[in-house]
Amino acid sequence: MFGNLGFGELMIIMVIVLVLFGAKRVPEISASFGKGIREFKRNLNDVENAVTGAVIPGRPDAPLQDPYPRPVPQAQDETRAEPKRLL
């Protein structure tokens, strides 16, 4: 992630940042940096979702058909005889 930077180089950079901005501003700067990265990732995902969800030209928008259609149940005979009544 940091290329060829080792622990010593990172410590020197952190000390320089601390001297330049002060102890009170460093947490504010890191928080705003984190928010910026989070917003960038969210926007990147939004663009990716918009691209993958786009309609491909020449492709119909009809819903997919079931490759294994279920058999339609047969209608029962409606001409059944009425049961005989005793009275």
N, C-alpha and C. Protein backbone atom coordinates (compact mmCIF):
# COMPACT_ATOMS: atom_id res chain seq x y z
N MET A 1 0.82 -1.19 0.00
CA MET A 1 0.00 0.00 0.00
C MET A 1 0.86 1.25 0.00
N PHE A 2 1.90 1.27 0.77
CA PHE A 2 2.75 2.45 0.87
C PHE A 2 4.03 2.31 0.05
N GLY A 3 4.08 1.33 -0.83
CA GLY A 3 5.24 1.17 -1.68
C GLY A 3 6.44 0.71 -0.89
N ASN A 4 7.54 1.44 -0.99
CA ASN A 4 8.77 1.08 -0.30
C ASN A 4 8.95 1.81 1.03
N LEU A 5 7.89 2.40 1.57
CA LEU A 5 7.99 3.12 2.83
C LEU A 5 8.00 2.11 3.99
N GLY A 6 8.98 2.25 4.84
CA GLY A 6 9.07 1.39 6.00
C GLY A 6 8.49 2.08 7.22
N PHE A 7 8.66 1.45 8.39
CA PHE A 7 8.14 1.99 9.63
C PHE A 7 8.80 3.32 9.97
N GLY A 8 10.09 3.42 9.78
CA GLY A 8 10.82 4.64 10.10
C GLY A 8 10.35 5.82 9.27
N GLU A 9 10.17 5.60 7.97
CA GLU A 9 9.72 6.68 7.08
C GLU A 9 8.31 7.14 7.44
N LEU A 10 7.44 6.17 7.77
CA LEU A 10 6.08 6.54 8.16
C LEU A 10 6.07 7.34 9.46
N MET A 11 6.92 6.99 10.40
CA MET A 11 7.00 7.75 11.66
C MET A 11 7.47 9.18 11.41
N ILE A 12 8.45 9.36 10.52
CA ILE A 12 8.94 10.70 10.20
C ILE A 12 7.83 11.53 9.56
N ILE A 13 7.05 10.92 8.66
CA ILE A 13 5.94 11.63 8.02
C ILE A 13 4.90 12.02 9.07
N MET A 14 4.60 11.12 10.00
CA MET A 14 3.62 11.43 11.04
C MET A 14 4.09 12.56 11.95
N VAL A 15 5.37 12.59 12.28
CA VAL A 15 5.91 13.66 13.12
C VAL A 15 5.83 14.99 12.38
N ILE A 16 6.15 15.00 11.09
CA ILE A 16 6.07 16.24 10.30
C ILE A 16 4.64 16.74 10.24
N VAL A 17 3.67 15.84 10.02
CA VAL A 17 2.26 16.22 9.99
C VAL A 17 1.84 16.78 11.34
N LEU A 18 2.30 16.16 12.43
CA LEU A 18 1.95 16.62 13.77
C LEU A 18 2.52 18.00 14.03
N VAL A 19 3.74 18.26 13.58
CA VAL A 19 4.36 19.57 13.79
C VAL A 19 3.66 20.63 12.94
N LEU A 20 3.32 20.30 11.70
CA LEU A 20 2.70 21.28 10.81
C LEU A 20 1.29 21.65 11.23
N PHE A 21 0.49 20.67 11.61
CA PHE A 21 -0.92 20.92 11.87
C PHE A 21 -1.29 20.99 13.34
N GLY A 22 -0.49 20.47 14.21
CA GLY A 22 -0.79 20.49 15.64
C GLY A 22 -1.63 19.29 16.06
N ALA A 23 -1.61 19.04 17.36
CA ALA A 23 -2.29 17.86 17.89
C ALA A 23 -3.80 17.97 17.80
N LYS A 24 -4.34 19.20 17.80
CA LYS A 24 -5.79 19.37 17.74
C LYS A 24 -6.35 19.18 16.33
N ARG A 25 -5.58 19.53 15.32
CA ARG A 25 -6.07 19.46 13.94
C ARG A 25 -5.89 18.09 13.31
N VAL A 26 -4.96 17.26 13.78
CA VAL A 26 -4.69 15.97 13.16
C VAL A 26 -5.92 15.06 13.19
N PRO A 27 -6.65 14.92 14.30
CA PRO A 27 -7.86 14.08 14.28
C PRO A 27 -8.93 14.62 13.32
N GLU A 28 -9.07 15.94 13.23
CA GLU A 28 -10.04 16.53 12.31
C GLU A 28 -9.67 16.22 10.86
N ILE A 29 -8.40 16.35 10.56
CA ILE A 29 -7.93 16.09 9.19
C ILE A 29 -8.12 14.62 8.84
N SER A 30 -7.78 13.72 9.76
CA SER A 30 -7.92 12.29 9.46
C SER A 30 -9.39 11.91 9.34
N ALA A 31 -10.28 12.51 10.14
CA ALA A 31 -11.71 12.22 10.03
C ALA A 31 -12.26 12.69 8.68
N SER A 32 -11.88 13.89 8.26
CA SER A 32 -12.37 14.38 6.97
C SER A 32 -11.78 13.58 5.82
N PHE A 33 -10.56 13.12 5.98
CA PHE A 33 -9.93 12.26 4.96
C PHE A 33 -10.70 10.94 4.87
N GLY A 34 -11.06 10.36 6.01
CA GLY A 34 -11.83 9.11 6.02
C GLY A 34 -13.20 9.28 5.39
N LYS A 35 -13.87 10.42 5.69
CA LYS A 35 -15.18 10.69 5.09
C LYS A 35 -15.06 10.83 3.57
N GLY A 36 -13.99 11.47 3.12
CA GLY A 36 -13.78 11.63 1.68
C GLY A 36 -13.58 10.29 0.99
N ILE A 37 -12.80 9.42 1.60
CA ILE A 37 -12.58 8.10 1.01
C ILE A 37 -13.88 7.30 0.99
N ARG A 38 -14.65 7.36 2.07
CA ARG A 38 -15.93 6.64 2.15
C ARG A 38 -16.90 7.14 1.08
N GLU A 39 -16.98 8.46 0.89
CA GLU A 39 -17.86 9.02 -0.13
C GLU A 39 -17.40 8.64 -1.53
N PHE A 40 -16.09 8.62 -1.74
CA PHE A 40 -15.55 8.22 -3.05
C PHE A 40 -15.93 6.78 -3.36
N LYS A 41 -15.78 5.88 -2.39
CA LYS A 41 -16.13 4.47 -2.60
C LYS A 41 -17.63 4.31 -2.87
N ARG A 42 -18.46 5.06 -2.13
CA ARG A 42 -19.91 4.97 -2.33
C ARG A 42 -20.27 5.44 -3.74
N ASN A 43 -19.69 6.55 -4.18
CA ASN A 43 -19.97 7.04 -5.53
C ASN A 43 -19.47 6.08 -6.59
N LEU A 44 -18.33 5.46 -6.34
CA LEU A 44 -17.80 4.48 -7.28
C LEU A 44 -18.74 3.29 -7.40
N ASN A 45 -19.29 2.82 -6.28
CA ASN A 45 -20.25 1.72 -6.31
C ASN A 45 -21.54 2.12 -7.00
N ASP A 46 -21.98 3.37 -6.81
CA ASP A 46 -23.19 3.85 -7.49
C ASP A 46 -23.00 3.84 -9.01
N VAL A 47 -21.84 4.30 -9.46
CA VAL A 47 -21.56 4.31 -10.90
C VAL A 47 -21.49 2.88 -11.42
N GLU A 48 -20.85 2.00 -10.69
CA GLU A 48 -20.74 0.60 -11.11
C GLU A 48 -22.13 -0.04 -11.20
N ASN A 49 -22.99 0.22 -10.22
CA ASN A 49 -24.34 -0.33 -10.26
C ASN A 49 -25.14 0.25 -11.42
N ALA A 50 -24.94 1.52 -11.72
CA ALA A 50 -25.65 2.13 -12.85
C ALA A 50 -25.19 1.53 -14.18
N VAL A 51 -23.91 1.23 -14.28
CA VAL A 51 -23.38 0.65 -15.52
C VAL A 51 -23.84 -0.79 -15.68
N THR A 52 -23.77 -1.58 -14.64
CA THR A 52 -24.16 -2.99 -14.74
C THR A 52 -25.66 -3.15 -14.86
N GLY A 53 -26.43 -2.19 -14.36
CA GLY A 53 -27.88 -2.27 -14.44
C GLY A 53 -28.44 -1.66 -15.71
N ALA A 54 -27.58 -1.11 -16.55
CA ALA A 54 -28.04 -0.46 -17.77
C ALA A 54 -28.57 -1.50 -18.75
N VAL A 55 -29.52 -1.06 -19.58
CA VAL A 55 -30.09 -1.95 -20.58
C VAL A 55 -29.10 -2.11 -21.73
N ILE A 56 -28.88 -3.34 -22.14
CA ILE A 56 -27.98 -3.61 -23.26
C ILE A 56 -28.77 -3.43 -24.55
N PRO A 57 -28.27 -2.60 -25.49
CA PRO A 57 -29.00 -2.38 -26.74
C PRO A 57 -29.15 -3.68 -27.53
N GLY A 58 -30.29 -3.86 -28.16
CA GLY A 58 -30.54 -5.05 -28.96
C GLY A 58 -31.04 -6.22 -28.13
N ARG A 59 -31.14 -6.04 -26.86
CA ARG A 59 -31.60 -7.13 -25.99
C ARG A 59 -33.02 -6.79 -25.52
N PRO A 60 -33.96 -7.69 -25.69
CA PRO A 60 -35.33 -7.37 -25.27
C PRO A 60 -35.43 -7.27 -23.75
N ASP A 61 -36.33 -6.43 -23.31
CA ASP A 61 -36.54 -6.27 -21.88
C ASP A 61 -37.62 -7.19 -21.35
N ALA A 62 -38.03 -8.16 -22.15
CA ALA A 62 -39.07 -9.09 -21.72
C ALA A 62 -38.55 -9.95 -20.57
N PRO A 63 -39.43 -10.32 -19.66
CA PRO A 63 -38.99 -11.16 -18.55
C PRO A 63 -38.58 -12.54 -19.06
N LEU A 64 -37.69 -13.15 -18.33
CA LEU A 64 -37.23 -14.47 -18.71
C LEU A 64 -38.35 -15.49 -18.54
N GLN A 65 -38.41 -16.45 -19.47
CA GLN A 65 -39.42 -17.49 -19.37
C GLN A 65 -38.85 -18.67 -18.61
N ASP A 66 -39.73 -19.37 -17.94
CA ASP A 66 -39.32 -20.54 -17.18
C ASP A 66 -38.89 -21.64 -18.14
N PRO A 67 -37.65 -22.16 -18.05
CA PRO A 67 -37.22 -23.20 -18.97
C PRO A 67 -37.93 -24.53 -18.72
N TYR A 68 -38.51 -24.70 -17.56
CA TYR A 68 -39.23 -25.93 -17.22
C TYR A 68 -40.66 -25.58 -16.84
N PRO A 69 -41.53 -25.40 -17.84
CA PRO A 69 -42.91 -25.00 -17.51
C PRO A 69 -43.63 -26.10 -16.74
N ARG A 70 -44.45 -25.68 -15.81
CA ARG A 70 -45.22 -26.63 -15.02
C ARG A 70 -46.47 -27.02 -15.79
N PRO A 71 -46.91 -28.26 -15.66
CA PRO A 71 -48.13 -28.65 -16.38
C PRO A 71 -49.35 -27.95 -15.79
N VAL A 72 -50.26 -27.58 -16.68
CA VAL A 72 -51.48 -26.89 -16.26
C VAL A 72 -52.47 -27.95 -15.82
N PRO A 73 -53.05 -27.82 -14.63
CA PRO A 73 -54.01 -28.84 -14.19
C PRO A 73 -55.26 -28.82 -15.07
N GLN A 74 -55.79 -30.01 -15.36
CA GLN A 74 -56.97 -30.14 -16.20
C GLN A 74 -58.21 -29.72 -15.41
N ALA A 75 -59.11 -29.06 -16.07
CA ALA A 75 -60.35 -28.65 -15.43
C ALA A 75 -61.19 -29.89 -15.15
N GLN A 76 -61.77 -29.97 -13.97
CA GLN A 76 -62.59 -31.12 -13.62
C GLN A 76 -63.92 -31.04 -14.34
N ASP A 77 -64.49 -32.18 -14.57
CA ASP A 77 -65.76 -32.25 -15.30
C ASP A 77 -66.84 -31.57 -14.47
N GLU A 78 -67.45 -30.53 -15.04
CA GLU A 78 -68.46 -29.77 -14.33
C GLU A 78 -69.86 -30.38 -14.44
N THR A 79 -69.98 -31.43 -15.20
CA THR A 79 -71.30 -32.04 -15.38
C THR A 79 -71.49 -33.22 -14.43
N ARG A 80 -71.05 -33.09 -13.24
CA ARG A 80 -71.23 -34.15 -12.25
C ARG A 80 -72.71 -34.30 -11.92
N ALA A 81 -73.05 -35.48 -11.59
CA ALA A 81 -74.44 -35.74 -11.18
C ALA A 81 -74.63 -35.28 -9.75
N GLU A 82 -75.77 -34.69 -9.50
CA GLU A 82 -76.10 -34.24 -8.15
C GLU A 82 -76.39 -35.48 -7.30
N PRO A 83 -75.99 -35.44 -6.05
CA PRO A 83 -76.31 -36.58 -5.18
C PRO A 83 -77.83 -36.65 -4.96
N LYS A 84 -78.35 -37.85 -4.87
CA LYS A 84 -79.79 -38.04 -4.70
C LYS A 84 -80.19 -37.72 -3.28
N ARG A 85 -81.34 -37.07 -3.18
CA ARG A 85 -81.84 -36.70 -1.87
C ARG A 85 -82.90 -37.70 -1.43
N LEU A 86 -82.98 -37.87 -0.17
CA LEU A 86 -83.95 -38.81 0.37
C LEU A 86 -85.35 -38.19 0.45
N LEU A 87 -85.53 -36.97 0.61
CA LEU A 87 -86.85 -36.35 0.70
C LEU A 87 -87.13 -35.48 -0.45
